[in-house]
Amino acid sequence: MRVISLLPAASEIVAYLGATDQLIGITHECDFPPVIGSRPRVTRSAIPVSIAHSPDGASAGEIDAAVREAYVAGEPLFKLDKRTIRALHPDVILTQALCDVCAVSETDVRALAAGMNPEPRIVTLGGTSIDGIMTDIRNVAEALDAVDEADELIAGEHARLQTVHDTLKAYGAPRPRVLVVEWSDPVFLAGHWGPEQVRRAGGRDVLGVAGQHSVTVPIDECERADPEIVIVAPCGYGLEASRAEAERLVREWSWLAGRQVWAMDANGLVSRPGPRVVDGVEVMARVFNPGLFSGVDGRHAVRVG
């Protein structure tokens, strides 16, 4: 099977299914696991490179402004390398229907595929919950003839979630009030599976709503919600960029004083709808109740306030 992935999470799913040998094309943002990096890149960002590829160098406001400008102009945020995609002759193309800001549009992908001969199969990821992500994993596996591998992977993910749940229940762990900042200028709160991650990790998301799109909120509303723990995990940011942003917020948002502020690897643990969302739950559980779990791995999250 010849597979092109147009979503970093989809590339991760293929890898977790043990099918990297079938992966022949990936996006410009695919970076995990490192072994996939030698594949041809078949997308690029349509916004300035200095912003698109340097989140720790451009401000959140500058990135937001660039995205909004492209959106208002009716321009796609991502470009498909159609010539390369056609030349690769894929049997399957993995895409998404969740967020046009995060990846190429499913409509554009289907239009491209319709003009190819033979027309490749399109598998669309659209899960907005952890169970939905597991369904997406199985759908990808069915297209790759890797259902047994998917069943094993999904069973393992559920077992890990159950272990967190059982530990919290056994010790009657307190549920801290948590705010997850998905973007800071303007302020977006984590949506979709993000609030569910918080809940499964033993916290109470004070403003986010599970299963719904991320929404903007006024900063003073965040303060009034009175979170005990604030997790800074900007969409598209790795840990170092998240840490820089969290440190800036601690300096600029005076109401954060006296609260725990953590920076997390958003790309690895929160933003991408793939197997590592369970890693994110485990990391959050260590943050919320450190006495019940092993310490937080500094490669995944760091406390900055």
Protein backbone atom coordinates (compact mmCIF):
# COMPACT_ATOMS: atom_id res chain seq x y z
CA MET A 1 0.00 0.00 0.00
CA ARG A 2 1.31 3.46 -0.94
CA VAL A 3 0.18 6.06 1.59
CA ILE A 4 0.43 9.85 1.67
CA SER A 5 -0.30 11.55 4.99
CA LEU A 6 -1.52 15.15 4.93
CA LEU A 7 -1.70 15.45 8.71
CA PRO A 8 1.07 15.02 11.32
CA ALA A 9 -1.29 13.02 13.53
CA ALA A 10 -2.04 10.66 10.65
CA SER A 11 1.68 10.11 10.10
CA GLU A 12 2.01 9.23 13.77
CA ILE A 13 -0.89 6.78 13.51
CA VAL A 14 0.78 5.04 10.56
CA ALA A 15 3.99 4.77 12.54
CA TYR A 16 2.26 3.39 15.65
CA LEU A 17 0.63 0.77 13.43
CA GLY A 18 4.09 -0.34 12.32
CA ALA A 19 3.43 0.71 8.72
CA THR A 20 6.06 3.38 8.06
CA ASP A 21 7.26 1.34 5.08
CA GLN A 22 3.95 2.20 3.39
CA LEU A 23 4.34 5.94 3.96
CA ILE A 24 5.58 7.64 0.77
CA GLY A 25 4.72 11.31 1.38
CA ILE A 26 4.20 13.57 4.40
CA THR A 27 3.50 17.21 5.29
CA HIS A 28 6.05 19.93 5.96
CA GLU A 29 5.04 19.71 9.64
CA CYS A 30 5.43 15.96 10.17
CA ASP A 31 8.23 15.45 12.69
CA PHE A 32 7.40 12.34 14.71
CA PRO A 33 8.70 9.73 14.82
CA PRO A 34 11.99 10.98 13.34
CA VAL A 35 12.28 7.93 11.08
CA ILE A 36 9.59 9.34 8.75
CA GLY A 37 11.60 12.48 8.01
CA SER A 38 13.19 11.14 4.85
CA ARG A 39 9.85 11.03 3.00
CA PRO A 40 9.00 13.66 0.38
CA ARG A 41 7.21 16.70 1.78
CA VAL A 42 4.04 17.34 -0.20
CA THR A 43 2.68 20.45 1.54
CA ARG A 44 3.95 23.88 2.50
CA SER A 45 2.60 26.78 4.50
CA ALA A 46 1.02 29.67 2.59
CA ILE A 47 1.81 32.20 5.33
CA PRO A 48 5.28 33.74 5.73
CA VAL A 49 7.96 31.17 6.53
CA SER A 50 9.35 33.29 9.36
CA ILE A 51 6.00 32.98 11.09
CA ALA A 52 4.90 29.54 10.01
CA HIS A 53 8.09 27.76 11.03
CA SER A 54 9.36 29.87 13.93
CA PRO A 55 6.69 29.99 16.62
CA ASP A 56 9.31 30.84 19.21
CA GLY A 57 10.46 33.80 17.10
CA ALA A 58 7.13 35.36 16.08
CA SER A 59 4.57 36.53 18.60
CA ALA A 60 1.22 34.80 18.97
CA GLY A 61 -0.44 38.00 17.78
CA GLU A 62 1.67 38.13 14.60
CA ILE A 63 0.86 34.52 13.79
CA ASP A 64 -2.85 35.08 14.41
CA ALA A 65 -2.84 38.21 12.23
CA ALA A 66 -1.17 36.37 9.35
CA VAL A 67 -3.67 33.52 9.56
CA ARG A 68 -6.65 35.89 9.69
CA GLU A 69 -5.36 37.91 6.74
CA ALA A 70 -5.09 34.79 4.59
CA TYR A 71 -8.52 33.60 5.73
CA VAL A 72 -10.23 36.92 4.94
CA ALA A 73 -8.58 36.93 1.50
CA GLY A 74 -9.99 33.48 0.87
CA GLU A 75 -6.54 32.00 0.47
CA PRO A 76 -5.70 28.49 1.67
CA LEU A 77 -3.32 28.33 4.62
CA PHE A 78 -1.57 25.30 3.18
CA LYS A 79 -0.44 24.50 -0.34
CA LEU A 80 -0.48 21.02 -1.84
CA ASP A 81 2.42 19.96 -4.05
CA LYS A 82 0.04 18.46 -6.57
CA ARG A 83 2.71 17.47 -9.06
CA THR A 84 4.63 15.45 -6.48
CA ILE A 85 1.49 13.86 -5.11
CA ARG A 86 0.46 12.71 -8.59
CA ALA A 87 3.96 11.41 -9.31
CA LEU A 88 3.95 9.34 -6.12
CA HIS A 89 0.82 7.43 -7.26
CA PRO A 90 -0.69 6.93 -3.79
CA ASP A 91 -3.26 4.24 -3.10
CA VAL A 92 -4.43 6.02 0.05
CA ILE A 93 -4.38 9.67 1.13
CA LEU A 94 -4.92 10.48 4.80
CA THR A 95 -6.46 13.89 5.52
CA GLN A 96 -8.73 15.61 8.06
CA ALA A 97 -12.02 17.47 8.35
CA LEU A 98 -11.49 19.12 11.71
CA CYS A 99 -9.65 22.39 11.25
CA ASP A 100 -8.57 24.26 8.10
CA VAL A 101 -6.09 26.28 10.20
CA CYS A 102 -4.23 23.14 11.26
CA ALA A 103 -3.95 21.24 7.98
CA VAL A 104 -4.97 21.18 4.34
CA SER A 105 -8.67 21.32 3.50
CA GLU A 106 -10.40 18.01 2.90
CA THR A 107 -12.25 19.64 0.00
CA ASP A 108 -8.96 20.47 -1.73
CA VAL A 109 -7.69 16.95 -1.18
CA ARG A 110 -10.79 15.33 -2.64
CA ALA A 111 -10.69 17.63 -5.64
CA LEU A 112 -7.09 16.61 -6.31
CA ALA A 113 -7.82 12.91 -5.87
CA ALA A 114 -10.80 13.05 -8.22
CA GLY A 115 -8.48 14.02 -11.06
CA MET A 116 -6.02 11.17 -10.50
CA ASN A 117 -6.07 7.83 -12.28
CA PRO A 118 -6.50 5.56 -10.50
CA GLU A 119 -8.24 7.68 -7.88
CA PRO A 120 -6.73 7.07 -4.44
CA ARG A 121 -8.84 6.20 -1.45
CA ILE A 122 -9.37 9.12 0.93
CA VAL A 123 -9.42 8.43 4.68
CA THR A 124 -10.56 11.42 6.70
CA LEU A 125 -9.74 11.90 10.36
CA GLY A 126 -12.38 13.83 12.27
CA GLY A 127 -12.38 12.65 15.88
CA THR A 128 -13.20 15.34 18.45
CA SER A 129 -12.80 13.09 21.49
CA ILE A 130 -10.37 10.44 22.63
CA ASP A 131 -12.80 7.71 21.58
CA GLY A 132 -13.15 9.49 18.23
CA ILE A 133 -9.38 9.46 17.82
CA MET A 134 -9.38 5.72 18.50
CA THR A 135 -12.02 5.30 15.79
CA ASP A 136 -9.80 7.26 13.40
CA ILE A 137 -6.90 4.95 14.23
CA ARG A 138 -9.02 1.95 13.34
CA ASN A 139 -10.20 3.57 10.09
CA VAL A 140 -6.62 4.21 9.04
CA ALA A 141 -5.73 0.64 9.97
CA GLU A 142 -8.52 -0.76 7.83
CA ALA A 143 -7.17 1.14 4.82
CA LEU A 144 -3.65 -0.16 5.52
CA ASP A 145 -4.73 -3.74 6.28
CA ALA A 146 -3.42 -3.37 9.84
CA VAL A 147 -6.55 -4.02 11.90
CA ASP A 148 -4.87 -6.46 14.29
CA GLU A 149 -2.19 -3.88 15.02
CA ALA A 150 -4.86 -1.25 15.61
CA ASP A 151 -6.77 -3.48 18.02
CA GLU A 152 -3.59 -4.03 20.02
CA LEU A 153 -2.71 -0.33 19.99
CA ILE A 154 -6.19 0.79 21.03
CA ALA A 155 -6.40 -1.81 23.79
CA GLY A 156 -3.10 -0.56 25.15
CA GLU A 157 -4.26 3.06 25.06
CA HIS A 158 -7.43 2.22 26.96
CA ALA A 159 -5.45 0.22 29.52
CA ARG A 160 -3.19 3.19 30.20
CA LEU A 161 -6.19 5.48 30.65
CA GLN A 162 -7.76 2.97 33.00
CA THR A 163 -4.59 2.85 35.10
CA VAL A 164 -4.74 6.62 35.58
CA HIS A 165 -8.43 6.43 36.46
CA ASP A 166 -7.96 3.58 38.94
CA THR A 167 -5.07 5.34 40.67
CA LEU A 168 -7.01 8.58 41.08
CA LYS A 169 -10.07 6.72 42.35
CA ALA A 170 -8.15 4.53 44.79
CA TYR A 171 -6.64 7.52 46.55
CA GLY A 172 -9.63 9.84 46.29
CA ALA A 173 -7.40 12.35 44.55
CA PRO A 174 -8.46 16.02 44.64
CA ARG A 175 -9.45 17.55 41.32
CA PRO A 176 -7.63 20.86 40.81
CA ARG A 177 -9.18 23.64 38.76
CA VAL A 178 -7.36 23.78 35.40
CA LEU A 179 -7.18 26.21 32.50
CA VAL A 180 -5.57 25.09 29.22
CA VAL A 181 -4.40 27.97 27.02
CA GLU A 182 -4.29 26.84 23.39
CA TRP A 183 -3.40 30.32 22.12
CA SER A 184 -2.59 33.55 23.93
CA ASP A 185 -3.25 36.48 21.55
CA PRO A 186 -6.18 36.34 21.29
CA VAL A 187 -6.80 33.83 24.06
CA PHE A 188 -8.14 30.50 22.83
CA LEU A 189 -8.97 27.72 25.25
CA ALA A 190 -8.41 24.07 24.39
CA GLY A 191 -11.42 22.40 22.84
CA HIS A 192 -12.22 19.01 21.30
CA TRP A 193 -10.35 16.36 23.31
CA GLY A 194 -8.42 18.88 25.45
CA PRO A 195 -10.98 19.23 28.28
CA GLU A 196 -11.42 15.46 28.21
CA GLN A 197 -7.69 15.03 28.70
CA VAL A 198 -7.93 17.27 31.75
CA ARG A 199 -10.84 15.29 33.17
CA ARG A 200 -9.26 11.91 32.58
CA ALA A 201 -6.07 13.18 34.19
CA GLY A 202 -7.93 14.14 37.36
CA GLY A 203 -8.53 17.85 36.83
CA ARG A 204 -11.54 20.10 36.25
CA ASP A 205 -11.35 22.30 33.17
CA VAL A 206 -12.79 25.62 34.35
CA LEU A 207 -13.80 26.99 30.93
CA GLY A 208 -13.13 24.48 28.14
CA VAL A 209 -15.98 22.33 26.79
CA ALA A 210 -15.15 18.82 25.64
CA GLY A 211 -16.00 18.00 22.03
CA GLN A 212 -16.45 21.61 20.93
CA HIS A 213 -14.20 23.84 18.88
CA SER A 214 -11.63 25.94 20.66
CA VAL A 215 -13.09 29.36 21.48
CA THR A 216 -11.73 32.78 22.31
CA VAL A 217 -12.35 34.27 25.75
CA PRO A 218 -11.46 37.60 27.38
CA ILE A 219 -8.43 37.44 29.64
CA ASP A 220 -10.44 38.70 32.61
CA GLU A 221 -12.79 35.73 32.22
CA CYS A 222 -9.81 33.42 32.63
CA GLU A 223 -8.92 35.23 35.86
CA ARG A 224 -12.50 35.05 37.18
CA ALA A 225 -12.54 31.30 36.55
CA ASP A 226 -9.86 31.09 39.25
CA PRO A 227 -7.78 28.14 38.00
CA GLU A 228 -5.24 26.59 40.34
CA ILE A 229 -3.18 25.26 37.44
CA VAL A 230 -2.68 26.94 34.06
CA ILE A 231 -1.30 24.82 31.23
CA VAL A 232 0.18 26.73 28.31
CA ALA A 233 0.10 24.53 25.21
CA PRO A 234 -0.19 26.71 22.08
CA CYS A 235 -1.34 24.78 19.03
CA GLY A 236 1.62 23.89 16.82
CA TYR A 237 4.28 24.59 19.48
CA GLY A 238 6.89 22.19 20.78
CA LEU A 239 8.03 22.38 24.39
CA GLU A 240 10.67 25.09 24.00
CA ALA A 241 8.31 27.44 22.17
CA SER A 242 5.57 26.69 24.71
CA ARG A 243 7.98 27.42 27.53
CA ALA A 244 8.97 30.78 26.04
CA GLU A 245 5.31 31.70 25.65
CA ALA A 246 4.46 30.59 29.19
CA GLU A 247 7.31 32.65 30.61
CA ARG A 248 6.03 35.69 28.71
CA LEU A 249 2.52 35.19 30.06
CA VAL A 250 3.81 34.92 33.62
CA ARG A 251 5.50 38.28 33.14
CA GLU A 252 2.52 39.97 31.49
CA TRP A 253 -0.54 38.40 33.16
CA SER A 254 -0.28 39.56 36.77
CA TRP A 255 -3.21 37.37 37.82
CA LEU A 256 -1.04 34.28 37.27
CA ALA A 257 0.91 35.11 40.42
CA GLY A 258 0.49 32.39 43.01
CA ARG A 259 -0.81 29.83 40.54
CA GLN A 260 0.97 26.86 39.02
CA VAL A 261 1.88 27.57 35.40
CA TRP A 262 3.13 24.73 33.23
CA ALA A 263 4.34 24.69 29.64
CA MET A 264 3.60 21.50 27.70
CA ASP A 265 4.75 20.08 24.40
CA ALA A 266 1.52 20.88 22.57
CA ASN A 267 2.55 19.14 19.34
CA GLY A 268 3.39 15.92 21.13
CA LEU A 269 0.77 15.80 23.86
CA VAL A 270 -2.25 18.02 23.21
CA SER A 271 -2.74 19.40 19.68
CA ARG A 272 -2.49 16.34 17.48
CA PRO A 273 -5.38 13.84 17.37
CA GLY A 274 -3.25 10.73 17.47
CA PRO A 275 -2.02 8.08 19.92
CA ARG A 276 0.04 10.52 21.97
CA VAL A 277 -3.06 12.21 23.43
CA VAL A 278 -2.88 9.42 26.01
CA ASP A 279 0.69 10.45 26.80
CA GLY A 280 -0.78 13.91 27.36
CA VAL A 281 -3.28 12.54 29.88
CA GLU A 282 -0.49 10.80 31.77
CA VAL A 283 1.64 13.94 31.86
CA MET A 284 -1.29 16.03 33.09
CA ALA A 285 -2.01 13.45 35.80
CA ARG A 286 1.57 13.83 37.05
CA VAL A 287 1.13 17.61 37.10
CA PHE A 288 -2.23 17.52 38.91
CA ASN A 289 -1.36 14.88 41.52
CA PRO A 290 2.43 14.50 41.70
CA GLY A 291 2.25 12.35 44.82
CA LEU A 292 0.41 9.58 43.01
CA PHE A 293 2.47 9.28 39.85
CA SER A 294 6.09 9.39 38.77
CA GLY A 295 7.70 12.79 38.17
CA VAL A 296 7.06 14.88 35.08
CA ASP A 297 9.56 14.21 32.30
CA GLY A 298 11.25 17.48 31.45
CA ARG A 299 11.02 16.61 27.76
CA HIS A 300 7.23 16.81 27.98
CA ALA A 301 6.39 19.63 30.37
CA VAL A 302 8.09 22.14 32.64
CA ARG A 303 6.82 24.38 35.40
CA VAL A 304 7.49 28.07 34.84
CA GLY A 305 5.43 29.64 37.61
